[in-house]
């Protein structure tokens, strides 16, 4: 693990330069990187840099920490060590190298050794001690790496067995299929959390990542959710079942078109607010013939 302090105004150019200087010079370039959909990593410069270095990029999805659970657990350990430095009265930023050493020297229950030992074959000396410091015998790299691989695989099987006890087999979805999106973590519906619909849609699938069970949806036609990241885990979506017009003819909604060019009928006004940036008066309206998914804020 590498801990590298950077400034708040980090640019994609500085990010790649930092990786080249501090990481690639020590362990070389990675085979793939799992990252969140931040503008820093989604930029053209970062994408081009990864392509030139032969790095495969796999972005995670929101509200699904299992996508990269190892990093989530590591972040908790780093924050815990930083808080300890703060309590002791030390400037945690100046202790980054020490925190990195301590985190890499912790025994890992999955690999049954510390990352430092798995990589170099001996335990690191963390500082002075009142007792004699034990010197562990050096373990050959081949034996050490094979043992670590076996331990990690065994731990992965045990964790999957426990995690799958409460999971069902996910549906096999394909590109072009329509699905509904869970509103559990959506804050764009402008309604009470208890009263908002549990599912919205349907949305059409654009791309499927079978390895991580992530699905990219087409949100362009729904203005209320069109600005959020459009890739979701399979646990956040479900197949959309088309209405049977023969048995349930009344359930089929016919959405009217424009009255005149650029003009639509308003059924009723739902809410009023002052726009955060422009301070203009805005109204949340329900269009005539449309459902709650198409409610929109308009200026009058």
Foldseek 3Di string as FASTA:
>chain_A
DDDDDDDPPDALVNVVVCCVVPPCVPVRDDQEDEAAPDCSCVPPSNVVVCVVRNYHYHYDDPPPCVLPVVVVVLVVLLVVVLVVCVVVVHNSVVCRVLSVLVQQQDQDQQQRGGVVCLVFQWGDDSDDDPDDDDTDDGDDNVVSPVSSVVSNVVVVVVVCVVVCPPPDDFDDDDAFFWKWFACQPPPLLPDDNVPDDGTDDTWTWHDADVVQQKTFTDCPVQVSCNPDHRIDHSVGIGGDDDDDCVVCVPVDQDADDAPDVPHFAFPDWDDWDQDPPPRAIWTFTDTPRDDSSRTDIDGD
